Amino acid sequence: MIKIYAPASIGNVGVGFDILGAAIKPINGNHLGDCITVTLSNKFTLENKGVFSNKLPKDVKKNIVWKCWLKFCNVINENVPVSIVLEKNMPVGSGLGSSACSVVSTFFAMNKICNNPLNSQELLSLMGELEGEISGSIHYDNVAPSYLGGLQLILEDSQIISQQLPCFKNWLWIVAWPGINVSTAEARGILPKKYTKEICIKNSRYLSGFVHSLYSKQPDLAARLMRDFIAEPYRIKLLPNFLKTKKEIKKIGAMSCGISGSGPTIFAVSDDIEIAQKISLWLSKNYLQNNTGFVHICALDLKGARIIG
């Protein structure tokens, strides 16, 4: 038996659409992610547990975990009968890499219990493929940080899919999920098919400047450059009062603020715990739409997916 935890993640990190992703962990020590327990058995079984398990499809073959298991068995060309327990602690369609948590933890667990037939690059490639089947296009900005930890730059080079970037250890990442859902496929479908040359140049300048500021240790510059010209202007209609919320938390003292992945979760960055707490309190009172929503003050999760039992 093996139990794997895969952390939540912030896709895009504002300035890096489909190119940047950050794994996060609440500073209070709680887990924010999914757990998978896999036991070798005589047939495949799947049990769903956890806070958000009631949101999963009743048909096992529509469950992401089953799809991962089947894909893994096909790749290694062996039917591996297992009993799987999914602890679904992440809300579906939240913008925090919920599907990635399930994908990463399942592939990681299956590889471990089968004595690692796939290397990390092969495993990450499978994770991206499965994410693509769910959302409509292959992207690694959630699976890579959830699997590898930290702030990841997606390269999709023939030999290297993703590499970790340095980041500022004192940065706090406040995430707020309002308690409503946004389909990743819908959020991607709302984007234009083409962008102007000016927007492409501007986005490239901000993204390259952001990466430069990380390596040259300029946190204020990095925060100023965390702007989204690709998705945010079109996705704000999917989020409750986003522009007002952004303005208010900037007024409180947030260094930066943006949409996490496809939304509706938003994130803010601060290097001061008191400001982070004020932002968290304001978001709890003003951004959450119901009692299932949540706000967490997080740090980067540098470990990524790991064995916890």
Protein backbone atom coordinates (compact mmCIF):
# COMPACT_ATOMS: atom_id res chain seq x y z
CA MET A 1 0.00 0.00 0.00
CA ILE A 2 1.16 3.53 -0.77
CA LYS A 3 -0.37 6.92 -0.02
CA ILE A 4 0.53 9.98 -2.09
CA TYR A 5 -0.24 13.65 -1.56
CA ALA A 6 -0.16 16.17 -4.44
CA PRO A 7 -0.46 19.89 -3.60
CA ALA A 8 -2.66 22.57 -5.14
CA SER A 9 -1.15 25.03 -7.57
CA ILE A 10 -1.55 28.51 -9.04
CA GLY A 11 -1.52 28.23 -12.82
CA ASN A 12 -0.20 31.09 -15.00
CA VAL A 13 0.96 33.09 -11.94
CA GLY A 14 -0.47 36.11 -13.72
CA VAL A 15 2.23 36.84 -16.24
CA GLY A 16 2.92 33.33 -17.59
CA PHE A 17 -0.15 31.94 -19.37
CA ASP A 18 0.40 28.14 -19.67
CA ILE A 19 4.09 28.80 -18.94
CA LEU A 20 4.29 29.38 -15.16
CA GLY A 21 2.86 27.43 -12.26
CA ALA A 22 3.43 27.51 -8.49
CA ALA A 23 2.77 24.74 -5.96
CA ILE A 24 1.38 26.11 -2.69
CA LYS A 25 0.85 25.02 0.91
CA PRO A 26 -1.08 26.75 3.71
CA ILE A 27 1.26 28.21 6.33
CA ASN A 28 -0.92 26.73 9.10
CA GLY A 29 0.32 23.25 8.12
CA ASN A 30 -2.94 21.99 6.61
CA HIS A 31 -2.94 20.05 3.35
CA LEU A 32 -4.39 21.80 0.30
CA GLY A 33 -4.47 19.05 -2.30
CA ASP A 34 -5.60 15.50 -3.03
CA CYS A 35 -4.45 12.20 -1.55
CA ILE A 36 -4.41 8.83 -3.32
CA THR A 37 -4.00 5.49 -1.55
CA VAL A 38 -3.18 2.55 -3.83
CA THR A 39 -3.10 -1.11 -2.79
CA LEU A 40 -2.29 -4.06 -5.04
CA SER A 41 -5.44 -6.16 -5.44
CA ASN A 42 -7.05 -8.80 -7.65
CA LYS A 43 -9.26 -6.28 -9.47
CA PHE A 44 -9.62 -2.52 -9.99
CA THR A 45 -11.77 -0.71 -7.42
CA LEU A 46 -12.14 2.98 -6.68
CA GLU A 47 -13.55 4.62 -3.56
CA ASN A 48 -14.09 8.38 -3.37
CA LYS A 49 -13.74 10.14 -0.03
CA GLY A 50 -13.04 13.69 1.08
CA VAL A 51 -14.84 17.03 1.33
CA PHE A 52 -15.55 17.35 -2.40
CA SER A 53 -16.10 13.67 -3.29
CA ASN A 54 -19.82 14.30 -3.84
CA LYS A 55 -18.92 16.45 -6.86
CA LEU A 56 -17.25 13.55 -8.68
CA PRO A 57 -19.02 11.55 -11.44
CA LYS A 58 -20.88 8.42 -10.32
CA ASP A 59 -19.64 6.50 -13.37
CA VAL A 60 -16.18 5.17 -12.45
CA LYS A 61 -15.02 5.38 -16.07
CA LYS A 62 -15.64 9.13 -16.05
CA ASN A 63 -13.44 9.59 -12.99
CA ILE A 64 -10.01 11.10 -13.65
CA VAL A 65 -8.38 8.48 -11.44
CA TRP A 66 -9.74 5.63 -13.58
CA LYS A 67 -8.52 7.40 -16.72
CA CYS A 68 -5.04 7.75 -15.20
CA TRP A 69 -4.96 4.11 -14.14
CA LEU A 70 -6.02 2.93 -17.60
CA LYS A 71 -3.51 5.19 -19.38
CA PHE A 72 -0.68 4.07 -17.11
CA CYS A 73 -1.48 0.38 -17.67
CA ASN A 74 -1.57 0.95 -21.44
CA VAL A 75 1.78 2.74 -21.40
CA ILE A 76 3.58 0.02 -19.44
CA ASN A 77 1.61 -2.63 -21.38
CA GLU A 78 0.43 -4.41 -18.25
CA ASN A 79 -2.91 -4.62 -16.46
CA VAL A 80 -2.19 -3.76 -12.82
CA PRO A 81 -5.21 -4.56 -10.60
CA VAL A 82 -5.36 -2.12 -7.69
CA SER A 83 -7.72 -0.78 -5.09
CA ILE A 84 -7.63 3.02 -5.01
CA VAL A 85 -8.99 5.46 -2.47
CA LEU A 86 -9.20 9.06 -3.64
CA GLU A 87 -9.45 11.72 -0.95
CA LYS A 88 -10.89 14.61 -2.97
CA ASN A 89 -10.01 17.61 -0.85
CA MET A 90 -9.89 20.06 -3.76
CA PRO A 91 -12.99 21.69 -5.27
CA VAL A 92 -13.53 20.84 -8.95
CA GLY A 93 -13.26 23.79 -11.35
CA SER A 94 -11.64 26.02 -8.74
CA GLY A 95 -8.58 27.26 -10.61
CA LEU A 96 -6.26 25.64 -8.08
CA GLY A 97 -5.28 22.62 -10.18
CA SER A 98 -7.91 20.27 -8.77
CA SER A 99 -7.72 17.86 -11.71
CA ALA A 100 -3.91 18.11 -11.65
CA CYS A 101 -3.87 17.03 -7.98
CA SER A 102 -5.76 13.84 -8.89
CA VAL A 103 -3.71 13.25 -12.05
CA VAL A 104 -0.35 13.76 -10.35
CA SER A 105 -1.12 11.73 -7.24
CA THR A 106 -2.53 8.80 -9.25
CA PHE A 107 0.31 8.56 -11.76
CA PHE A 108 2.89 9.05 -9.01
CA ALA A 109 1.30 6.31 -6.87
CA MET A 110 0.92 3.85 -9.77
CA ASN A 111 4.54 4.36 -10.79
CA LYS A 112 5.75 3.80 -7.24
CA ILE A 113 3.69 0.69 -6.60
CA CYS A 114 4.94 -0.77 -9.92
CA ASN A 115 8.59 -0.13 -8.95
CA ASN A 116 9.11 2.98 -11.10
CA PRO A 117 8.92 1.73 -14.70
CA LEU A 118 8.73 5.37 -15.90
CA ASN A 119 11.24 8.15 -15.24
CA SER A 120 10.16 11.60 -14.08
CA GLN A 121 10.07 13.10 -17.58
CA GLU A 122 7.95 10.24 -18.94
CA LEU A 123 5.63 10.56 -15.95
CA LEU A 124 5.29 14.33 -16.35
CA SER A 125 4.56 13.89 -20.06
CA LEU A 126 1.72 11.48 -19.21
CA MET A 127 0.35 13.94 -16.67
CA GLY A 128 0.27 16.70 -19.28
CA GLU A 129 -1.44 14.44 -21.81
CA LEU A 130 -4.17 13.48 -19.37
CA GLU A 131 -4.71 17.13 -18.37
CA GLY A 132 -5.05 17.90 -22.08
CA GLU A 133 -7.74 15.27 -22.48
CA ILE A 134 -9.71 16.92 -19.67
CA SER A 135 -9.34 20.58 -20.66
CA GLY A 136 -8.96 20.34 -24.44
CA SER A 137 -5.24 21.09 -24.79
CA ILE A 138 -2.02 19.84 -23.20
CA HIS A 139 -0.69 22.20 -20.55
CA TYR A 140 1.72 21.63 -17.69
CA ASP A 141 1.31 24.74 -15.54
CA ASN A 142 -0.60 22.82 -12.84
CA VAL A 143 0.75 19.27 -13.13
CA ALA A 144 4.43 20.33 -13.20
CA PRO A 145 4.40 22.32 -9.93
CA SER A 146 2.09 19.81 -8.24
CA TYR A 147 4.49 17.01 -9.19
CA LEU A 148 7.86 18.77 -8.86
CA GLY A 149 7.09 21.55 -6.37
CA GLY A 150 8.06 25.22 -6.31
CA LEU A 151 7.65 27.76 -9.10
CA GLN A 152 7.95 25.99 -12.44
CA LEU A 153 8.78 27.38 -15.87
CA ILE A 154 7.26 25.21 -18.59
CA LEU A 155 9.81 24.75 -21.39
CA GLU A 156 8.38 21.78 -23.31
CA ASP A 157 11.85 21.23 -24.73
CA SER A 158 12.41 17.85 -26.37
CA GLN A 159 14.39 16.75 -23.31
CA ILE A 160 13.18 19.04 -20.53
CA ILE A 161 9.49 19.75 -19.97
CA SER A 162 9.81 22.02 -16.95
CA GLN A 163 12.43 23.58 -14.69
CA GLN A 164 12.18 25.23 -11.30
CA LEU A 165 12.68 28.98 -10.96
CA PRO A 166 14.03 30.73 -7.87
CA CYS A 167 11.48 32.68 -5.87
CA PHE A 168 11.34 34.92 -2.83
CA LYS A 169 11.14 32.93 0.39
CA ASN A 170 9.31 35.67 2.28
CA TRP A 171 6.47 35.93 -0.25
CA LEU A 172 3.08 34.87 1.03
CA TRP A 173 0.43 33.73 -1.49
CA ILE A 174 -3.15 34.41 -0.40
CA VAL A 175 -5.66 32.31 -2.36
CA ALA A 176 -9.43 32.75 -2.23
CA TRP A 177 -11.91 30.32 -3.79
CA PRO A 178 -15.39 31.91 -3.71
CA GLY A 179 -17.27 28.59 -3.59
CA ILE A 180 -18.38 28.58 -7.23
CA ASN A 181 -16.95 26.65 -10.17
CA VAL A 182 -15.57 27.57 -13.57
CA SER A 183 -14.94 24.95 -16.25
CA THR A 184 -11.34 25.01 -17.52
CA ALA A 185 -12.58 24.23 -21.02
CA GLU A 186 -15.07 27.13 -20.82
CA ALA A 187 -12.43 29.51 -19.47
CA ARG A 188 -10.07 28.57 -22.31
CA GLY A 189 -12.85 28.79 -24.89
CA ILE A 190 -13.63 32.38 -23.93
CA LEU A 191 -10.16 33.55 -25.03
CA PRO A 192 -9.55 35.04 -28.49
CA LYS A 193 -8.04 32.87 -31.23
CA LYS A 194 -5.55 35.60 -32.17
CA TYR A 195 -3.76 38.44 -30.36
CA THR A 196 -2.26 41.62 -31.75
CA LYS A 197 1.48 41.96 -32.24
CA GLU A 198 1.53 44.70 -29.57
CA ILE A 199 -0.03 42.42 -26.94
CA CYS A 200 2.38 39.59 -27.81
CA ILE A 201 5.39 41.89 -27.48
CA LYS A 202 4.09 43.38 -24.23
CA ASN A 203 3.41 39.94 -22.73
CA SER A 204 6.89 38.72 -23.75
CA ARG A 205 8.49 41.78 -22.17
CA TYR A 206 6.67 41.32 -18.87
CA LEU A 207 7.29 37.55 -18.73
CA SER A 208 11.00 37.81 -19.52
CA GLY A 209 11.31 40.71 -17.08
CA PHE A 210 9.60 38.68 -14.37
CA VAL A 211 12.00 35.74 -14.82
CA HIS A 212 14.95 38.17 -14.87
CA SER A 213 13.75 39.80 -11.64
CA LEU A 214 13.61 36.40 -9.91
CA TYR A 215 17.24 35.63 -10.78
CA SER A 216 18.42 39.17 -10.02
CA LYS A 217 16.51 39.18 -6.70
CA GLN A 218 14.29 42.20 -7.31
CA PRO A 219 11.00 41.34 -5.56
CA ASP A 220 9.28 44.69 -6.11
CA LEU A 221 10.02 44.57 -9.84
CA ALA A 222 8.83 40.96 -10.01
CA ALA A 223 5.54 41.92 -8.34
CA ARG A 224 4.98 44.85 -10.71
CA LEU A 225 5.56 42.60 -13.72
CA MET A 226 3.02 39.95 -12.64
CA ARG A 227 0.38 41.23 -15.07
CA ASP A 228 -1.86 39.14 -17.28
CA PHE A 229 -2.57 40.50 -20.75
CA ILE A 230 -3.61 37.16 -22.25
CA ALA A 231 -6.45 35.77 -20.11
CA GLU A 232 -7.49 38.19 -17.38
CA PRO A 233 -9.18 40.80 -19.62
CA TYR A 234 -11.52 38.11 -20.96
CA ARG A 235 -12.02 35.97 -17.86
CA ILE A 236 -13.03 38.73 -15.46
CA LYS A 237 -16.66 38.22 -16.52
CA LEU A 238 -16.48 34.70 -15.03
CA LEU A 239 -15.45 35.98 -11.58
CA PRO A 240 -17.56 37.84 -8.99
CA ASN A 241 -16.58 41.55 -8.88
CA PHE A 242 -12.95 40.82 -9.76
CA LEU A 243 -11.87 44.34 -10.68
CA LYS A 244 -13.34 45.82 -7.49
CA THR A 245 -11.76 43.03 -5.43
CA LYS A 246 -8.37 43.58 -7.06
CA LYS A 247 -8.55 47.31 -6.39
CA GLU A 248 -9.48 46.81 -2.73
CA ILE A 249 -6.77 44.27 -1.88
CA LYS A 250 -4.17 46.37 -3.67
CA LYS A 251 -5.32 49.23 -1.41
CA ILE A 252 -4.77 47.00 1.63
CA GLY A 253 -1.19 46.43 0.50
CA ALA A 254 -1.01 43.45 -1.86
CA MET A 255 2.13 43.51 -3.99
CA SER A 256 0.27 41.79 -6.82
CA CYS A 257 -3.06 40.16 -7.52
CA GLY A 258 -4.42 37.95 -10.28
CA ILE A 259 -6.60 35.05 -11.35
CA SER A 260 -5.35 31.61 -10.36
CA GLY A 261 -5.43 29.42 -13.46
CA SER A 262 -8.87 29.55 -15.06
CA GLY A 263 -10.46 31.01 -11.92
CA PRO A 264 -12.62 31.66 -10.04
CA THR A 265 -9.90 31.45 -7.37
CA ILE A 266 -7.85 34.62 -7.15
CA PHE A 267 -4.42 35.07 -5.59
CA ALA A 268 -2.58 37.94 -3.99
CA VAL A 269 1.08 38.29 -2.99
CA SER A 270 2.47 39.97 0.10
CA ASP A 271 5.77 39.92 1.98
CA ASP A 272 4.16 41.01 5.26
CA ILE A 273 2.15 38.56 7.40
CA GLU A 274 -0.01 41.31 8.91
CA ILE A 275 -0.98 42.61 5.46
CA ALA A 276 -1.58 39.02 4.30
CA GLN A 277 -3.94 38.50 7.25
CA LYS A 278 -5.83 41.71 6.45
CA ILE A 279 -6.17 40.65 2.82
CA SER A 280 -7.35 37.21 3.93
CA LEU A 281 -9.97 38.73 6.24
CA TRP A 282 -11.24 41.12 3.56
CA LEU A 283 -11.53 38.32 1.00
CA SER A 284 -13.34 36.10 3.51
CA LYS A 285 -15.93 38.82 4.08
CA ASN A 286 -16.27 40.14 0.53
CA TYR A 287 -15.19 37.59 -2.10
CA LEU A 288 -16.64 34.30 -0.84
CA GLN A 289 -20.09 33.53 -2.24
CA ASN A 290 -21.12 30.73 0.13
CA ASN A 291 -19.93 28.69 3.10
CA THR A 292 -17.99 26.19 0.97
CA GLY A 293 -15.57 28.90 -0.18
CA PHE A 294 -12.22 29.36 1.57
CA VAL A 295 -9.20 31.61 1.91
CA HIS A 296 -5.69 30.36 2.70
CA ILE A 297 -2.43 32.17 3.36
CA CYS A 298 0.20 30.01 1.68
CA ALA A 299 3.90 29.64 1.01
CA LEU A 300 5.41 27.86 -1.98
CA ASP A 301 5.35 24.09 -1.59
CA LEU A 302 8.87 23.12 -2.61
CA LYS A 303 8.37 19.36 -2.20
CA GLY A 304 5.58 18.71 -4.72
CA ALA A 305 4.02 15.22 -4.78
CA ARG A 306 5.23 12.95 -2.01
CA ILE A 307 4.66 9.74 -0.08
CA ILE A 308 2.82 10.36 3.18
CA GLY A 309 1.91 6.80 4.12
